[in-house]
Every structure is written in C-alpha cells, then in structure tokens.
Amino acid sequence: MLSTVAYSLGIINQDFFAILVMLALLTSWMAGSWLRYILKSGKRLMPGDENLVIQKAQEEIDFQWEPSLE
C-alpha cells in the first residue's frame, strides 16, 4: 500500500496514515455492498449486458465428508 511507504519514509504522520487506512476500508466496504445490492436486485452492471444470463450462486454449500476407516 502506498500509504505504508509514505509513512515509513516519514512523508505523512501517524494520524494521516490512520485516516488513509480507514478510508481504504470504508471504500472497499461500500463497493462490496453496492455490488451485492446491484446483483441481488437483478440490475445490470453495464449497458449492453442485457443478453447476459446471470446464474445465481449457491448461498450455502454442504460438504459431506466421511473419513475412510481403512
């Protein structure tokens, strides 16, 4: 991360580094929430995606694993 390099070189102070880290976390969370909302609502991500078929991913996967007793 560029902010780590800037902090280690002394270009930015600890307070500004913390702000940059929180901003990165917040924007990542917002992007994931937005993408989940768009896909669940059935909207398309980009114009021209009208012919794409969206397959719904499984919500839960159940693995039935039984160890072999040899």
N, C-alpha and C. Protein backbone atom coordinates (compact mmCIF):
# COMPACT_ATOMS: atom_id res chain seq x y z
N MET A 1 0.84 -1.16 0.00
CA MET A 1 0.00 0.00 0.00
C MET A 1 0.90 1.24 0.00
N LEU A 2 0.56 2.18 -0.79
CA LEU A 2 1.37 3.39 -0.93
C LEU A 2 1.44 4.19 0.36
N SER A 3 0.37 4.17 1.14
CA SER A 3 0.39 4.92 2.39
C SER A 3 1.40 4.34 3.38
N THR A 4 1.64 3.04 3.35
CA THR A 4 2.64 2.42 4.21
C THR A 4 4.03 2.91 3.86
N VAL A 5 4.30 3.01 2.58
CA VAL A 5 5.61 3.50 2.14
C VAL A 5 5.78 4.97 2.54
N ALA A 6 4.74 5.76 2.35
CA ALA A 6 4.82 7.17 2.71
C ALA A 6 5.02 7.34 4.22
N TYR A 7 4.36 6.51 5.00
CA TYR A 7 4.52 6.59 6.47
C TYR A 7 5.92 6.15 6.90
N SER A 8 6.42 5.08 6.29
CA SER A 8 7.74 4.59 6.68
C SER A 8 8.85 5.56 6.29
N LEU A 9 8.62 6.34 5.23
CA LEU A 9 9.61 7.33 4.83
C LEU A 9 9.45 8.66 5.57
N GLY A 10 8.42 8.78 6.38
CA GLY A 10 8.21 9.99 7.16
C GLY A 10 7.52 11.10 6.39
N ILE A 11 6.92 10.78 5.24
CA ILE A 11 6.25 11.80 4.44
C ILE A 11 4.92 12.20 5.08
N ILE A 12 4.24 11.23 5.68
CA ILE A 12 2.98 11.51 6.37
C ILE A 12 3.12 11.09 7.83
N ASN A 13 2.30 11.68 8.69
CA ASN A 13 2.37 11.34 10.11
C ASN A 13 1.38 10.20 10.42
N GLN A 14 1.38 9.76 11.68
CA GLN A 14 0.58 8.61 12.08
C GLN A 14 -0.92 8.89 11.97
N ASP A 15 -1.34 10.10 12.28
CA ASP A 15 -2.76 10.44 12.20
C ASP A 15 -3.26 10.36 10.76
N PHE A 16 -2.51 10.91 9.83
CA PHE A 16 -2.93 10.87 8.43
C PHE A 16 -2.88 9.45 7.88
N PHE A 17 -1.90 8.66 8.33
CA PHE A 17 -1.82 7.26 7.92
C PHE A 17 -3.07 6.50 8.38
N ALA A 18 -3.50 6.74 9.61
CA ALA A 18 -4.71 6.08 10.13
C ALA A 18 -5.94 6.49 9.33
N ILE A 19 -6.02 7.75 8.94
CA ILE A 19 -7.14 8.22 8.12
C ILE A 19 -7.15 7.51 6.77
N LEU A 20 -5.98 7.37 6.15
CA LEU A 20 -5.90 6.70 4.86
C LEU A 20 -6.30 5.22 4.95
N VAL A 21 -5.89 4.56 6.02
CA VAL A 21 -6.26 3.15 6.20
C VAL A 21 -7.76 3.02 6.39
N MET A 22 -8.35 3.88 7.21
CA MET A 22 -9.81 3.83 7.42
C MET A 22 -10.56 4.16 6.14
N LEU A 23 -10.05 5.08 5.36
CA LEU A 23 -10.68 5.42 4.08
C LEU A 23 -10.63 4.24 3.12
N ALA A 24 -9.53 3.51 3.09
CA ALA A 24 -9.42 2.33 2.24
C ALA A 24 -10.41 1.25 2.67
N LEU A 25 -10.54 1.05 3.96
CA LEU A 25 -11.50 0.06 4.46
C LEU A 25 -12.94 0.47 4.14
N LEU A 26 -13.26 1.73 4.33
CA LEU A 26 -14.61 2.22 4.08
C LEU A 26 -14.99 2.10 2.61
N THR A 27 -14.10 2.52 1.71
CA THR A 27 -14.44 2.46 0.29
C THR A 27 -14.53 1.02 -0.20
N SER A 28 -13.73 0.11 0.35
CA SER A 28 -13.84 -1.30 -0.02
C SER A 28 -15.17 -1.87 0.44
N TRP A 29 -15.60 -1.53 1.64
CA TRP A 29 -16.88 -1.99 2.16
C TRP A 29 -18.04 -1.45 1.32
N MET A 30 -17.95 -0.17 0.94
CA MET A 30 -19.01 0.44 0.14
C MET A 30 -19.11 -0.22 -1.24
N ALA A 31 -17.99 -0.49 -1.86
CA ALA A 31 -18.01 -1.11 -3.18
C ALA A 31 -18.61 -2.51 -3.12
N GLY A 32 -18.26 -3.28 -2.09
CA GLY A 32 -18.83 -4.61 -1.95
C GLY A 32 -20.33 -4.58 -1.69
N SER A 33 -20.77 -3.66 -0.86
CA SER A 33 -22.20 -3.52 -0.57
C SER A 33 -22.97 -3.09 -1.81
N TRP A 34 -22.42 -2.16 -2.57
CA TRP A 34 -23.07 -1.71 -3.80
C TRP A 34 -23.18 -2.85 -4.80
N LEU A 35 -22.11 -3.61 -4.97
CA LEU A 35 -22.13 -4.72 -5.92
C LEU A 35 -23.14 -5.77 -5.50
N ARG A 36 -23.21 -6.09 -4.22
CA ARG A 36 -24.19 -7.06 -3.73
C ARG A 36 -25.61 -6.57 -3.99
N TYR A 37 -25.88 -5.29 -3.74
CA TYR A 37 -27.20 -4.72 -3.97
C TYR A 37 -27.58 -4.80 -5.45
N ILE A 38 -26.67 -4.43 -6.33
CA ILE A 38 -26.96 -4.43 -7.76
C ILE A 38 -27.26 -5.85 -8.25
N LEU A 39 -26.47 -6.82 -7.84
CA LEU A 39 -26.67 -8.19 -8.29
C LEU A 39 -27.93 -8.81 -7.73
N LYS A 40 -28.26 -8.52 -6.47
CA LYS A 40 -29.48 -9.07 -5.88
C LYS A 40 -30.73 -8.44 -6.46
N SER A 41 -30.64 -7.18 -6.87
CA SER A 41 -31.82 -6.51 -7.43
C SER A 41 -32.05 -6.88 -8.89
N GLY A 42 -31.12 -7.58 -9.51
CA GLY A 42 -31.30 -8.01 -10.89
C GLY A 42 -30.90 -6.96 -11.91
N LYS A 43 -30.34 -5.87 -11.46
CA LYS A 43 -29.91 -4.83 -12.39
C LYS A 43 -28.61 -5.25 -13.06
N ARG A 44 -28.33 -4.65 -14.19
CA ARG A 44 -27.10 -4.95 -14.93
C ARG A 44 -26.00 -4.02 -14.48
N LEU A 45 -24.78 -4.50 -14.59
CA LEU A 45 -23.64 -3.69 -14.16
C LEU A 45 -23.27 -2.63 -15.19
N MET A 46 -23.40 -2.98 -16.48
CA MET A 46 -23.01 -2.05 -17.53
C MET A 46 -24.04 -2.08 -18.64
N PRO A 47 -24.18 -0.98 -19.38
CA PRO A 47 -25.05 -1.01 -20.55
C PRO A 47 -24.53 -2.04 -21.55
N GLY A 48 -25.43 -2.78 -22.15
CA GLY A 48 -25.03 -3.81 -23.10
C GLY A 48 -25.01 -5.19 -22.49
N ASP A 49 -25.28 -5.29 -21.20
CA ASP A 49 -25.31 -6.59 -20.53
C ASP A 49 -26.68 -7.25 -20.59
N GLU A 50 -27.58 -6.74 -21.42
CA GLU A 50 -28.94 -7.24 -21.45
C GLU A 50 -29.02 -8.70 -21.90
N ASN A 51 -28.07 -9.15 -22.70
CA ASN A 51 -28.12 -10.51 -23.22
C ASN A 51 -27.37 -11.52 -22.36
N LEU A 52 -26.78 -11.06 -21.27
CA LEU A 52 -26.05 -11.97 -20.40
C LEU A 52 -27.02 -12.71 -19.49
N VAL A 53 -26.70 -13.94 -19.20
CA VAL A 53 -27.50 -14.74 -18.29
C VAL A 53 -26.76 -14.82 -16.96
N ILE A 54 -27.42 -14.36 -15.91
CA ILE A 54 -26.82 -14.40 -14.59
C ILE A 54 -27.28 -15.66 -13.88
N GLN A 55 -26.32 -16.47 -13.49
CA GLN A 55 -26.65 -17.68 -12.75
C GLN A 55 -26.46 -17.38 -11.27
N LYS A 56 -27.47 -17.70 -10.50
CA LYS A 56 -27.40 -17.43 -9.08
C LYS A 56 -26.47 -18.43 -8.41
N ALA A 57 -25.52 -17.90 -7.68
CA ALA A 57 -24.57 -18.75 -6.96
C ALA A 57 -25.26 -19.36 -5.75
N GLN A 58 -24.78 -20.52 -5.37
CA GLN A 58 -25.34 -21.19 -4.20
C GLN A 58 -25.03 -20.36 -2.95
N GLU A 59 -26.04 -20.21 -2.13
CA GLU A 59 -25.85 -19.46 -0.89
C GLU A 59 -25.04 -20.27 0.11
N GLU A 60 -25.31 -21.56 0.17
CA GLU A 60 -24.66 -22.39 1.17
C GLU A 60 -24.24 -23.70 0.53
N ILE A 61 -23.04 -24.12 0.80
CA ILE A 61 -22.53 -25.38 0.26
C ILE A 61 -22.35 -26.34 1.42
N ASP A 62 -22.92 -27.52 1.28
CA ASP A 62 -22.83 -28.52 2.33
C ASP A 62 -21.87 -29.61 1.87
N PHE A 63 -20.74 -29.70 2.55
CA PHE A 63 -19.77 -30.73 2.23
C PHE A 63 -20.02 -31.93 3.13
N GLN A 64 -20.24 -33.07 2.53
CA GLN A 64 -20.44 -34.30 3.28
C GLN A 64 -19.16 -35.11 3.16
N TRP A 65 -18.32 -34.97 4.14
CA TRP A 65 -17.05 -35.66 4.11
C TRP A 65 -17.02 -36.70 5.20
N GLU A 66 -16.73 -37.92 4.80
CA GLU A 66 -16.62 -39.01 5.76
C GLU A 66 -15.25 -39.63 5.59
N PRO A 67 -14.47 -39.62 6.64
CA PRO A 67 -13.12 -40.20 6.51
C PRO A 67 -13.23 -41.72 6.32
N SER A 68 -12.36 -42.23 5.49
CA SER A 68 -12.36 -43.67 5.26
C SER A 68 -11.62 -44.35 6.40
N LEU A 69 -12.21 -45.39 6.91
CA LEU A 69 -11.60 -46.13 8.02
C LEU A 69 -10.99 -47.39 7.46
N GLU A 70 -9.76 -47.31 7.07
CA GLU A 70 -9.07 -48.46 6.47
C GLU A 70 -8.17 -49.14 7.45
